[in-house]
Amino acid sequence: MYSKIITSVNWGIEGQIVEIETKILRGLPCHVIVGLPSIIIKESKERVKAALKTSGVKFPEDRIIQNLFPANIKKEGSQLDLPIAMGIFCCLSSVTANRLEGIAFLGELSLDGKIQPVQGILSQIDGLKQQGIKRIVIPCGNSEEAQFLDGVVFYPYRDLKALCDDFLSDELKRISEGIIDTNHKSQPMVDARLDLSQIMGQNAAIRAVEIAVTGFHNLLIIGPPGCGKSMLAERLITIMPPMTLEEKIEVTKLYGISDGENINGLMHHRPFRAPHHTISRIGLVGGGVAILPGEISKAHNGILYLDEVGEFKSDAIDALREPLSSGYVNLTKGGRSLTFPSNFMLVATMNPCPCGHYLSKDENCTCTHNEIKRYFGKLSWPIIDRLDMTIYMERVDDLKQVLNTKSSLYGSVNTRDKITKAIAFRQKRLSHDRSRQGSNNDLSKEAEDLLIKYHERGKLSMRAYKKLIGISRTIADLDGDLHISKKHILEAFTYQTSMQIKRFF
């Protein structure tokens, strides 16, 4: 008696197809699983035995050998419970090989025969799909997230007995179409406790974050303690535009293969990750024994917030250079190499000096010039050079005047609507002429002359020029202008990181 069942295991953000060969031989009762199974898979033998007996299947009192092909890849995950059980069931039922061709099984089993949902199923399905498997049996608990993947027919089941009965009768039940209304799921994150309108007297800073979010520009906020740096950064998630379906699937894949991240269905809000400054380089970038995503990958399509960035370990911060430039991170260990997407918006805050009062109007700074230089020296120049925008926040001067000024101009709802319109304008502009992106054809004659003047004064490197054009283009999109004008260049220049940092030296 022999059967071959198709399934999948996680391999980075993608899935690796696995074939489970089952052979039942005469001999002393024994169940052996070979092919580099993890401890979780070795323990599945007891779950599978109990689930099959509960489902009315007579467990064989013979020697059962199951091989996980390819044998040179470490197999991990409880999703192999169901295919292991189906391999034994198909051997006992003498199911022909053609019935098993082109269909895969994913799911964890409980002792009473229930098929439990599993983590990382989107990655596993994607790996099967790339190998041409278009029919997949999945747990009902994973049907919400799985049904958004096109080109695959899903058969969701709650218990093993129903699956075995339907499989024998060749009447597998397909997933119902349109059972979930996705319109309300695409709304942005709304939290009444976090709103931009709660930040008073910092309109210039709010304007800067509006530009940063629209263009997904990395942002550094410098200011004395109590000026509202952290308060502003924590509210950026409320003005982020909603994710597209493709972005939701990418984020859900990453969280599905991460340890300690219990997700239920498709993720609908952009991630906001705020690790503590004691985090290690591996915790921030990713890696470890199993090569898992780090905080930068968990912040993919969202925000990575580093509060008091100068307090983070230097090696951890320097490791951000490649992901900030490329949008992904390559991790290698023990001959295994994986790539994780890491296209995040970096938002960092820091004090202007160790005591926090350099350039402050309210307090006197007690730091020496060398202490200030040493404090900023914690950020290497390659990292500073990758920060698109830098702003300096000061404490509110006249609180009475601010309290008497009531305006919803910079509320989260209004700001998010403005950003969404600007992004729609940018997409429409680029759809008309793809060659316009990053081209000098966007510049007006006055804007060109101003850029040439800046360059002649030695204030613009090529990297700074590219960033200046990108920020100016974002400001023009917010204004609904097809061309970058002089006013856009002038405003963008005030956010240049190199110019802001020079204030402290």
Protein backbone atom coordinates (compact mmCIF):
# COMPACT_ATOMS: atom_id res chain seq x y z
CA MET A 1 0.00 0.00 0.00
CA TYR A 2 1.48 3.29 -1.17
CA SER A 3 0.33 6.91 -1.55
CA LYS A 4 1.84 10.30 -2.29
CA ILE A 5 0.33 13.48 -0.81
CA ILE A 6 1.32 17.03 -1.78
CA THR A 7 1.70 19.75 0.83
CA SER A 8 3.92 22.75 1.60
CA VAL A 9 6.20 24.20 4.29
CA ASN A 10 7.36 27.75 4.89
CA TRP A 11 10.57 28.79 3.17
CA GLY A 12 11.00 32.47 3.92
CA ILE A 13 8.02 34.46 2.71
CA GLU A 14 7.42 31.86 0.01
CA GLY A 15 6.43 28.22 0.37
CA GLN A 16 8.37 25.07 -0.45
CA ILE A 17 6.40 22.18 -1.92
CA VAL A 18 6.76 18.86 -0.06
CA GLU A 19 5.65 15.38 -1.10
CA ILE A 20 4.70 12.92 1.65
CA GLU A 21 5.21 9.34 0.54
CA THR A 22 3.46 6.75 2.68
CA LYS A 23 4.17 3.03 2.65
CA ILE A 24 2.47 0.46 4.94
CA LEU A 25 4.46 -2.75 5.33
CA ARG A 26 3.98 -5.92 7.30
CA GLY A 27 5.85 -5.96 10.58
CA LEU A 28 5.69 -4.85 14.18
CA PRO A 29 3.47 -1.78 14.79
CA CYS A 30 5.66 1.25 14.19
CA HIS A 31 5.23 4.73 12.70
CA VAL A 32 8.39 6.27 11.26
CA ILE A 33 8.67 9.70 9.64
CA VAL A 34 11.92 10.44 7.76
CA GLY A 35 13.13 13.41 5.70
CA LEU A 36 14.41 15.91 8.32
CA PRO A 37 11.16 16.41 10.27
CA SER A 38 11.14 18.90 13.15
CA ILE A 39 10.05 18.00 16.68
CA ILE A 40 6.56 19.36 15.92
CA ILE A 41 6.22 16.98 12.96
CA LYS A 42 7.56 14.03 14.97
CA GLU A 43 4.92 14.72 17.61
CA SER A 44 2.24 14.74 14.91
CA LYS A 45 2.26 10.93 14.88
CA GLU A 46 0.22 10.86 18.09
CA ARG A 47 -2.18 13.59 16.91
CA VAL A 48 -2.69 11.82 13.59
CA LYS A 49 -3.34 8.45 15.23
CA ALA A 50 -5.91 9.87 17.65
CA ALA A 51 -7.62 11.97 14.94
CA LEU A 52 -7.94 9.02 12.53
CA LYS A 53 -9.38 6.75 15.21
CA THR A 54 -11.86 9.44 16.29
CA SER A 55 -12.91 9.84 12.65
CA GLY A 56 -13.79 6.17 12.37
CA VAL A 57 -10.66 5.07 10.48
CA LYS A 58 -9.07 1.87 11.73
CA PHE A 59 -5.44 2.68 12.38
CA PRO A 60 -3.19 -0.04 10.90
CA GLU A 61 -1.30 -2.32 13.28
CA ASP A 62 1.61 -2.57 10.84
CA ARG A 63 4.82 -0.74 10.04
CA ILE A 64 4.11 2.75 8.62
CA ILE A 65 6.94 4.61 6.87
CA GLN A 66 6.44 8.18 5.66
CA ASN A 67 9.10 10.09 3.72
CA LEU A 68 9.11 13.88 3.40
CA PHE A 69 10.55 14.77 -0.01
CA PRO A 70 12.91 16.55 -0.63
CA ALA A 71 14.80 14.95 2.24
CA ASN A 72 17.58 17.56 2.45
CA ILE A 73 15.28 20.41 3.59
CA LYS A 74 14.32 20.82 7.24
CA LYS A 75 10.52 20.53 7.54
CA GLU A 76 8.73 22.57 10.18
CA GLY A 77 5.12 23.37 10.97
CA SER A 78 1.96 21.77 12.26
CA GLN A 79 0.28 22.13 8.84
CA LEU A 80 1.70 18.70 7.93
CA ASP A 81 -0.71 16.93 10.33
CA LEU A 82 -3.51 16.74 7.77
CA PRO A 83 -1.40 15.54 4.79
CA ILE A 84 0.28 12.91 7.01
CA ALA A 85 -3.15 11.65 8.06
CA MET A 86 -4.45 11.71 4.50
CA GLY A 87 -1.42 9.73 3.35
CA ILE A 88 -2.30 6.92 5.79
CA PHE A 89 -6.02 7.14 4.95
CA CYS A 90 -5.40 6.94 1.19
CA CYS A 91 -3.20 3.86 1.69
CA LEU A 92 -5.91 2.13 3.70
CA SER A 93 -8.63 3.13 1.22
CA SER A 94 -6.57 2.18 -1.85
CA VAL A 95 -7.08 5.60 -3.44
CA THR A 96 -5.57 5.67 -6.93
CA ALA A 97 -2.69 8.00 -7.76
CA ASN A 98 -4.67 10.00 -10.32
CA ARG A 99 -7.17 10.99 -7.59
CA LEU A 100 -4.33 12.60 -5.63
CA GLU A 101 -2.74 14.37 -8.58
CA GLY A 102 -2.97 18.17 -8.55
CA ILE A 103 -4.46 18.48 -5.05
CA ALA A 104 -2.69 19.51 -1.82
CA PHE A 105 -3.58 19.39 1.88
CA LEU A 106 -2.79 21.84 4.69
CA GLY A 107 -4.00 21.78 8.28
CA GLU A 108 -3.32 20.90 11.90
CA LEU A 109 -5.29 18.13 13.63
CA SER A 110 -6.66 18.01 17.14
CA LEU A 111 -7.20 14.74 18.98
CA ASP A 112 -10.96 14.79 18.29
CA GLY A 113 -10.41 14.97 14.53
CA LYS A 114 -11.00 18.72 14.11
CA ILE A 115 -8.93 20.48 11.43
CA GLN A 116 -7.37 23.54 13.08
CA PRO A 117 -6.15 26.71 11.30
CA VAL A 118 -2.40 27.18 10.83
CA GLN A 119 -0.04 30.15 10.68
CA GLY A 120 1.65 31.21 7.45
CA ILE A 121 -0.86 29.54 5.17
CA LEU A 122 -0.62 32.27 2.52
CA SER A 123 3.08 31.55 2.02
CA GLN A 124 2.41 27.82 1.84
CA ILE A 125 -0.38 28.31 -0.70
CA ASP A 126 1.83 30.60 -2.79
CA GLY A 127 4.53 27.93 -2.93
CA LEU A 128 1.99 25.35 -4.13
CA LYS A 129 0.54 27.77 -6.66
CA GLN A 130 3.95 28.46 -8.18
CA GLN A 131 4.38 24.70 -8.75
CA GLY A 132 1.07 24.45 -10.58
CA ILE A 133 -1.08 23.09 -7.72
CA LYS A 134 -4.48 24.76 -8.09
CA ARG A 135 -6.66 22.63 -5.75
CA ILE A 136 -5.96 22.86 -2.01
CA VAL A 137 -7.78 21.52 1.05
CA ILE A 138 -7.45 24.00 3.93
CA PRO A 139 -8.95 24.48 7.43
CA CYS A 140 -12.16 26.51 7.58
CA GLY A 141 -10.39 28.88 9.98
CA ASN A 142 -8.03 29.95 7.17
CA SER A 143 -10.68 30.42 4.49
CA GLU A 144 -11.05 34.17 5.09
CA GLU A 145 -7.47 35.01 4.23
CA ALA A 146 -7.05 32.29 1.58
CA GLN A 147 -10.03 33.28 -0.55
CA PHE A 148 -8.34 36.52 -1.61
CA LEU A 149 -5.76 34.56 -3.62
CA ASP A 150 -6.83 34.10 -7.22
CA GLY A 151 -6.17 31.18 -9.50
CA VAL A 152 -6.66 28.54 -6.79
CA VAL A 153 -9.69 26.44 -5.82
CA PHE A 154 -10.00 25.96 -2.05
CA TYR A 155 -11.84 23.24 -0.14
CA PRO A 156 -12.28 24.31 3.50
CA TYR A 157 -13.07 21.61 6.08
CA ARG A 158 -13.67 21.60 9.83
CA ASP A 159 -13.09 17.92 10.66
CA LEU A 160 -11.22 14.98 9.26
CA LYS A 161 -14.22 12.61 9.06
CA ALA A 162 -16.15 14.90 6.69
CA LEU A 163 -13.07 15.31 4.52
CA CYS A 164 -12.46 11.57 4.30
CA ASP A 165 -16.11 10.84 3.44
CA ASP A 166 -16.24 13.53 0.75
CA PHE A 167 -12.87 12.51 -0.66
CA LEU A 168 -13.97 8.92 -1.12
CA SER A 169 -17.15 10.05 -2.87
CA ASP A 170 -15.19 12.58 -4.94
CA GLU A 171 -17.45 15.40 -3.79
CA LEU A 172 -15.11 17.90 -2.12
CA LYS A 173 -16.90 21.12 -1.16
CA ARG A 174 -15.48 24.28 -2.67
CA ILE A 175 -15.19 27.54 -0.79
CA SER A 176 -18.22 29.78 -1.14
CA GLU A 177 -17.68 32.77 -3.39
CA GLY A 178 -18.14 36.29 -2.02
CA ILE A 179 -18.79 35.29 1.60
CA ILE A 180 -16.80 38.26 2.89
CA ASP A 181 -17.51 41.90 2.16
CA THR A 182 -14.10 43.41 1.51
CA ASN A 183 -15.28 47.04 1.19
CA HIS A 184 -15.30 47.81 4.90
CA LYS A 185 -12.08 45.89 5.38
CA SER A 186 -10.04 48.35 3.31
CA GLN A 187 -10.61 51.29 5.64
CA PRO A 188 -7.59 52.91 7.33
CA MET A 189 -6.84 52.60 11.01
CA VAL A 190 -9.02 54.84 13.20
CA ASP A 191 -8.33 55.33 16.90
CA ALA A 192 -10.15 58.09 18.77
CA ARG A 193 -7.32 58.20 21.31
CA LEU A 194 -4.80 59.10 18.60
CA ASP A 195 -5.55 62.12 16.44
CA LEU A 196 -3.41 64.88 14.97
CA SER A 197 -5.82 67.48 16.31
CA GLN A 198 -4.52 66.68 19.81
CA ILE A 199 -1.14 68.16 18.87
CA MET A 200 -1.29 71.90 19.43
CA GLY A 201 1.02 74.61 18.16
CA GLN A 202 3.09 72.34 15.88
CA ASN A 203 1.54 73.03 12.49
CA ALA A 204 4.93 73.16 10.75
CA ALA A 205 5.81 69.69 12.04
CA ILE A 206 2.41 68.32 11.03
CA ARG A 207 2.92 69.73 7.55
CA ALA A 208 6.26 67.90 7.38
CA VAL A 209 4.78 64.52 8.39
CA GLU A 210 1.99 65.06 5.88
CA ILE A 211 4.63 65.30 3.15
CA ALA A 212 6.60 62.37 4.55
CA VAL A 213 3.60 60.02 4.65
CA THR A 214 2.45 61.03 1.15
CA GLY A 215 5.82 60.20 -0.37
CA PHE A 216 6.79 57.44 2.09
CA HIS A 217 9.90 59.47 2.97
CA ASN A 218 12.09 58.53 5.93
CA LEU A 219 11.82 61.15 8.67
CA LEU A 220 14.02 62.26 11.58
CA ILE A 221 12.42 64.46 14.26
CA ILE A 222 14.79 66.40 16.54
CA GLY A 223 13.64 68.43 19.51
CA PRO A 224 13.91 69.01 23.27
CA PRO A 225 12.04 66.81 25.76
CA GLY A 226 8.33 67.56 25.97
CA CYS A 227 7.96 69.23 22.57
CA GLY A 228 5.72 66.43 21.22
CA LYS A 229 8.09 64.30 19.11
CA SER A 230 6.78 60.95 20.30
CA MET A 231 3.18 62.19 20.35
CA LEU A 232 3.48 63.20 16.70
CA ALA A 233 5.21 59.99 15.61
CA GLU A 234 2.63 57.76 17.30
CA ARG A 235 -0.16 59.45 15.34
CA LEU A 236 1.37 58.93 11.92
CA ILE A 237 -0.38 55.57 11.60
CA THR A 238 -3.76 57.34 11.69
CA ILE A 239 -2.98 59.30 8.51
CA MET A 240 -1.50 56.42 6.51
CA PRO A 241 -3.56 55.53 3.41
CA PRO A 242 -5.30 52.12 3.37
CA MET A 243 -3.39 49.16 1.98
CA THR A 244 -4.13 47.56 -1.36
CA LEU A 245 -5.04 43.87 -1.48
CA GLU A 246 -1.52 42.97 -2.67
CA GLU A 247 0.01 44.87 0.26
CA LYS A 248 -2.33 43.14 2.73
CA ILE A 249 -1.31 39.72 1.41
CA GLU A 250 2.40 40.59 1.68
CA VAL A 251 2.07 41.80 5.27
CA THR A 252 -0.07 38.80 6.26
CA LYS A 253 2.57 36.45 4.81
CA LEU A 254 5.32 38.07 6.88
CA TYR A 255 3.35 37.94 10.13
CA GLY A 256 2.26 34.38 9.39
CA ILE A 257 5.85 33.11 9.42
CA SER A 258 6.94 35.22 12.43
CA ASP A 259 7.20 33.84 15.94
CA GLY A 260 4.85 35.27 18.55
CA GLU A 261 2.54 36.94 16.00
CA ASN A 262 -0.95 35.47 16.33
CA ILE A 263 -3.01 36.75 13.42
CA ASN A 264 -6.58 35.90 12.53
CA GLY A 265 -7.35 36.27 8.86
CA LEU A 266 -6.02 38.92 6.51
CA MET A 267 -4.29 41.96 8.04
CA HIS A 268 -6.12 45.15 7.07
CA HIS A 269 -4.13 47.89 8.82
CA ARG A 270 -0.63 49.06 8.06
CA PRO A 271 1.87 47.83 10.65
CA PHE A 272 3.39 50.21 13.19
CA ARG A 273 6.44 48.74 14.90
CA ALA A 274 8.10 50.53 17.82
CA PRO A 275 10.92 48.33 19.20
CA HIS A 276 12.71 49.22 22.44
CA HIS A 277 16.20 50.68 22.14
CA THR A 278 17.70 47.54 23.75
CA ILE A 279 16.78 45.42 20.72
CA SER A 280 19.62 43.45 19.12
CA ARG A 281 20.69 43.57 15.50
CA ILE A 282 19.05 40.19 14.82
CA GLY A 283 15.82 41.34 16.46
CA LEU A 284 15.77 44.47 14.31
CA VAL A 285 16.94 43.09 10.96
CA GLY A 286 16.02 39.42 11.32
CA GLY A 287 17.87 36.11 11.38
CA GLY A 288 18.48 33.67 14.21
CA VAL A 289 18.56 29.88 14.11
CA ALA A 290 15.38 29.60 12.04
CA ILE A 291 16.03 32.84 10.04
CA LEU A 292 12.87 34.71 10.96
CA PRO A 293 11.79 38.23 9.92
CA GLY A 294 12.93 41.11 12.11
CA GLU A 295 11.18 44.33 13.04
CA ILE A 296 12.06 45.97 9.72
CA SER A 297 10.23 43.23 7.81
CA LYS A 298 7.29 43.30 10.22
CA ALA A 299 7.08 47.03 9.43
CA HIS A 300 6.82 46.29 5.68
CA ASN A 301 4.31 48.65 3.99
CA GLY A 302 4.05 50.51 7.32
CA ILE A 303 6.10 52.48 9.84
CA LEU A 304 9.21 51.57 11.82
CA TYR A 305 9.38 53.98 14.76
CA LEU A 306 12.69 54.32 16.61
CA ASP A 307 12.19 56.55 19.65
CA GLU A 308 15.46 58.14 20.82
CA VAL A 309 17.35 56.56 17.95
CA GLY A 310 20.68 57.60 19.45
CA GLU A 311 20.17 55.10 22.27
CA PHE A 312 19.97 52.09 19.92
CA LYS A 313 23.00 49.87 19.42
CA SER A 314 25.25 51.19 16.65
CA ASP A 315 25.52 47.84 14.86
CA ALA A 316 21.73 47.51 14.78
CA ILE A 317 21.25 50.97 13.30
CA ASP A 318 24.04 50.53 10.73
CA ALA A 319 22.42 47.28 9.59
CA LEU A 320 19.49 49.34 8.29
CA ARG A 321 21.54 50.83 5.46
CA GLU A 322 20.85 48.16 2.84
CA PRO A 323 17.13 47.70 3.62
CA LEU A 324 16.58 51.48 3.53
CA SER A 325 18.11 51.60 0.04
CA SER A 326 16.79 48.39 -1.52
CA GLY A 327 13.50 47.71 0.30
CA TYR A 328 14.42 44.13 1.21
CA VAL A 329 16.91 42.26 3.41
CA ASN A 330 18.97 39.18 2.54
CA LEU A 331 19.71 36.83 5.44
CA THR A 332 22.05 33.84 5.24
CA LYS A 333 22.94 31.21 7.84
CA GLY A 334 24.20 27.66 7.61
CA GLY A 335 24.00 27.58 3.82
CA ARG A 336 20.38 28.76 3.89
CA SER A 337 19.63 32.13 2.28
CA LEU A 338 16.28 33.90 2.50
CA THR A 339 15.01 37.27 1.33
CA PHE A 340 12.36 39.25 3.21
CA PRO A 341 10.68 42.43 1.91
CA SER A 342 11.41 45.46 4.11
CA ASN A 343 9.89 48.47 2.39
CA PHE A 344 9.10 50.55 5.46
CA MET A 345 8.91 54.22 6.37
CA LEU A 346 11.51 54.98 9.03
CA VAL A 347 10.44 57.54 11.63
CA ALA A 348 13.12 58.33 14.21
CA THR A 349 13.23 60.84 17.06
CA MET A 350 16.12 62.16 19.13
CA ASN A 351 17.13 65.01 21.42
CA PRO A 352 19.47 67.70 20.07
CA CYS A 353 22.07 66.87 22.75
CA PRO A 354 22.57 64.61 25.81
CA CYS A 355 20.75 67.02 28.13
CA GLY A 356 18.13 67.74 25.47
CA HIS A 357 18.16 71.55 25.56
CA TYR A 358 20.62 72.61 22.88
CA LEU A 359 19.09 75.42 20.76
CA SER A 360 16.08 75.43 23.10
CA LYS A 361 14.43 78.76 24.00
CA ASP A 362 13.28 77.61 27.43
CA GLU A 363 16.26 75.88 29.02
CA ASN A 364 20.02 76.36 29.01
CA CYS A 365 22.14 73.57 27.55
CA THR A 366 24.80 72.13 29.86
CA CYS A 367 26.56 70.07 27.19
CA THR A 368 29.95 70.85 25.70
CA HIS A 369 30.53 71.07 21.95
CA ASN A 370 32.39 67.75 21.98
CA GLU A 371 29.55 66.06 23.85
CA ILE A 372 27.07 67.24 21.24
CA LYS A 373 29.30 66.00 18.41
CA ARG A 374 29.74 62.65 20.17
CA TYR A 375 25.97 62.38 20.69
CA PHE A 376 25.22 62.88 16.99
CA GLY A 377 28.13 60.62 16.15
CA LYS A 378 26.02 57.67 17.29
CA LEU A 379 24.32 57.96 13.91
CA SER A 380 26.78 57.17 11.14
CA TRP A 381 26.77 59.42 8.11
CA PRO A 382 25.54 56.63 5.76
CA ILE A 383 22.43 56.35 7.95
CA ILE A 384 21.94 60.13 8.14
CA ASP A 385 22.33 60.27 4.37
CA ARG A 386 19.41 57.84 3.99
CA LEU A 387 17.04 59.99 6.03
CA ASP A 388 15.02 61.89 3.46
CA MET A 389 13.61 64.57 5.75
CA THR A 390 14.65 66.11 9.07
CA ILE A 391 12.66 68.60 11.14
CA TYR A 392 13.38 70.43 14.37
CA MET A 393 10.51 70.80 16.84
CA GLU A 394 10.51 73.47 19.54
CA ARG A 395 8.28 73.69 22.57
CA VAL A 396 5.08 75.70 22.20
CA ASP A 397 5.70 79.38 23.02
CA ASP A 398 2.24 80.73 23.80
CA LEU A 399 0.00 77.96 25.13
CA LYS A 400 -2.86 80.39 25.83
CA GLN A 401 -3.03 81.48 22.20
CA VAL A 402 -2.89 77.84 21.04
CA LEU A 403 -5.76 76.83 23.34
CA ASN A 404 -7.89 79.68 22.05
CA THR A 405 -7.30 78.60 18.45
CA LYS A 406 -9.74 75.86 17.52
CA SER A 407 -9.15 74.35 14.12
CA SER A 408 -9.65 70.89 12.63
CA LEU A 409 -7.38 71.69 9.70
CA TYR A 410 -4.78 69.20 10.86
CA GLY A 411 -7.06 66.47 12.21
CA SER A 412 -6.21 62.91 11.22
CA VAL A 413 -9.30 62.51 9.01
CA ASN A 414 -8.69 65.70 7.02
CA THR A 415 -4.98 65.02 6.69
CA ARG A 416 -5.53 61.42 5.60
CA ASP A 417 -8.06 62.51 2.97
CA LYS A 418 -5.58 65.04 1.62
CA ILE A 419 -2.84 62.41 1.46
CA THR A 420 -5.16 59.92 -0.25
CA LYS A 421 -6.09 62.51 -2.91
CA ALA A 422 -2.41 63.31 -3.48
CA ILE A 423 -1.58 59.62 -3.97
CA ALA A 424 -4.49 59.23 -6.39
CA PHE A 425 -3.24 62.30 -8.29
CA ARG A 426 0.26 60.81 -8.47
CA GLN A 427 -1.03 57.48 -9.79
CA LYS A 428 -3.12 59.23 -12.42
CA ARG A 429 -0.18 61.41 -13.43
CA LEU A 430 2.15 58.45 -13.79
CA SER A 431 -0.42 56.42 -15.73
CA HIS A 432 -0.47 59.08 -18.44
CA ASP A 433 3.28 59.09 -18.96
CA ARG A 434 5.50 56.61 -17.10
CA SER A 435 8.60 58.33 -18.39
CA ARG A 436 7.83 61.41 -16.33
CA GLN A 437 8.81 59.74 -13.04
CA GLY A 438 12.06 61.23 -11.71
CA SER A 439 12.56 63.20 -14.89
CA ASN A 440 13.69 66.83 -15.19
CA ASN A 441 10.69 67.37 -17.46
CA ASP A 442 8.71 67.82 -14.21
CA LEU A 443 10.72 70.94 -13.37
CA SER A 444 9.70 74.44 -14.28
CA LYS A 445 12.36 76.86 -15.60
CA GLU A 446 12.50 78.70 -12.24
CA ALA A 447 12.90 75.44 -10.35
CA GLU A 448 15.78 74.39 -12.63
CA ASP A 449 17.57 77.68 -12.12
CA LEU A 450 17.19 77.38 -8.35
CA LEU A 451 18.60 73.84 -8.33
CA ILE A 452 21.58 74.94 -10.42
CA LYS A 453 22.21 77.79 -7.96
CA TYR A 454 22.13 75.40 -4.99
CA HIS A 455 24.51 73.04 -6.77
CA GLU A 456 26.98 75.81 -7.63
CA ARG A 457 27.09 76.82 -3.98
CA GLY A 458 28.09 73.27 -3.09
CA LYS A 459 24.91 72.54 -1.15
CA LEU A 460 23.76 69.57 -3.21
CA SER A 461 25.36 66.18 -3.72
CA MET A 462 23.83 63.82 -6.27
CA ARG A 463 22.06 61.86 -3.50
CA ALA A 464 20.79 65.11 -1.98
CA TYR A 465 19.64 66.26 -5.42
CA LYS A 466 17.64 63.07 -5.91
CA LYS A 467 16.02 63.41 -2.49
CA LEU A 468 15.23 67.07 -3.06
CA ILE A 469 13.50 66.25 -6.33
CA GLY A 470 11.54 63.42 -4.68
CA ILE A 471 10.30 65.59 -1.79
CA SER A 472 9.49 68.46 -4.17
CA ARG A 473 7.51 66.07 -6.36
CA THR A 474 5.53 64.93 -3.31
CA ILE A 475 4.74 68.54 -2.35
CA ALA A 476 3.61 69.23 -5.91
CA ASP A 477 1.32 66.18 -5.79
CA LEU A 478 -0.21 67.50 -2.55
CA ASP A 479 -0.87 70.79 -4.35
CA GLY A 480 -2.23 69.00 -7.41
CA ASP A 481 0.45 70.47 -9.72
CA LEU A 482 1.83 68.57 -12.70
CA HIS A 483 5.13 70.46 -12.58
CA ILE A 484 7.58 71.18 -9.77
CA SER A 485 7.76 74.91 -9.23
CA LYS A 486 10.17 77.14 -7.32
CA LYS A 487 8.00 77.17 -4.18
CA HIS A 488 8.08 73.38 -4.03
CA ILE A 489 11.89 73.35 -4.20
CA LEU A 490 12.17 76.02 -1.50
CA GLU A 491 9.91 74.12 0.90
CA ALA A 492 11.62 70.81 0.21
CA PHE A 493 15.03 72.36 0.86
CA THR A 494 14.01 73.25 4.43
CA TYR A 495 13.68 69.51 5.15
CA GLN A 496 17.12 68.53 3.84
CA THR A 497 18.78 66.35 6.48
CA SER A 498 22.30 67.59 5.75
CA MET A 499 21.23 71.22 6.26
CA GLN A 500 19.38 70.47 9.52
CA ILE A 501 22.23 68.44 11.00
CA LYS A 502 24.75 71.21 10.31
CA ARG A 503 22.91 73.37 12.85
CA PHE A 504 24.35 71.24 15.62
CA PHE A 505 28.02 71.51 14.63
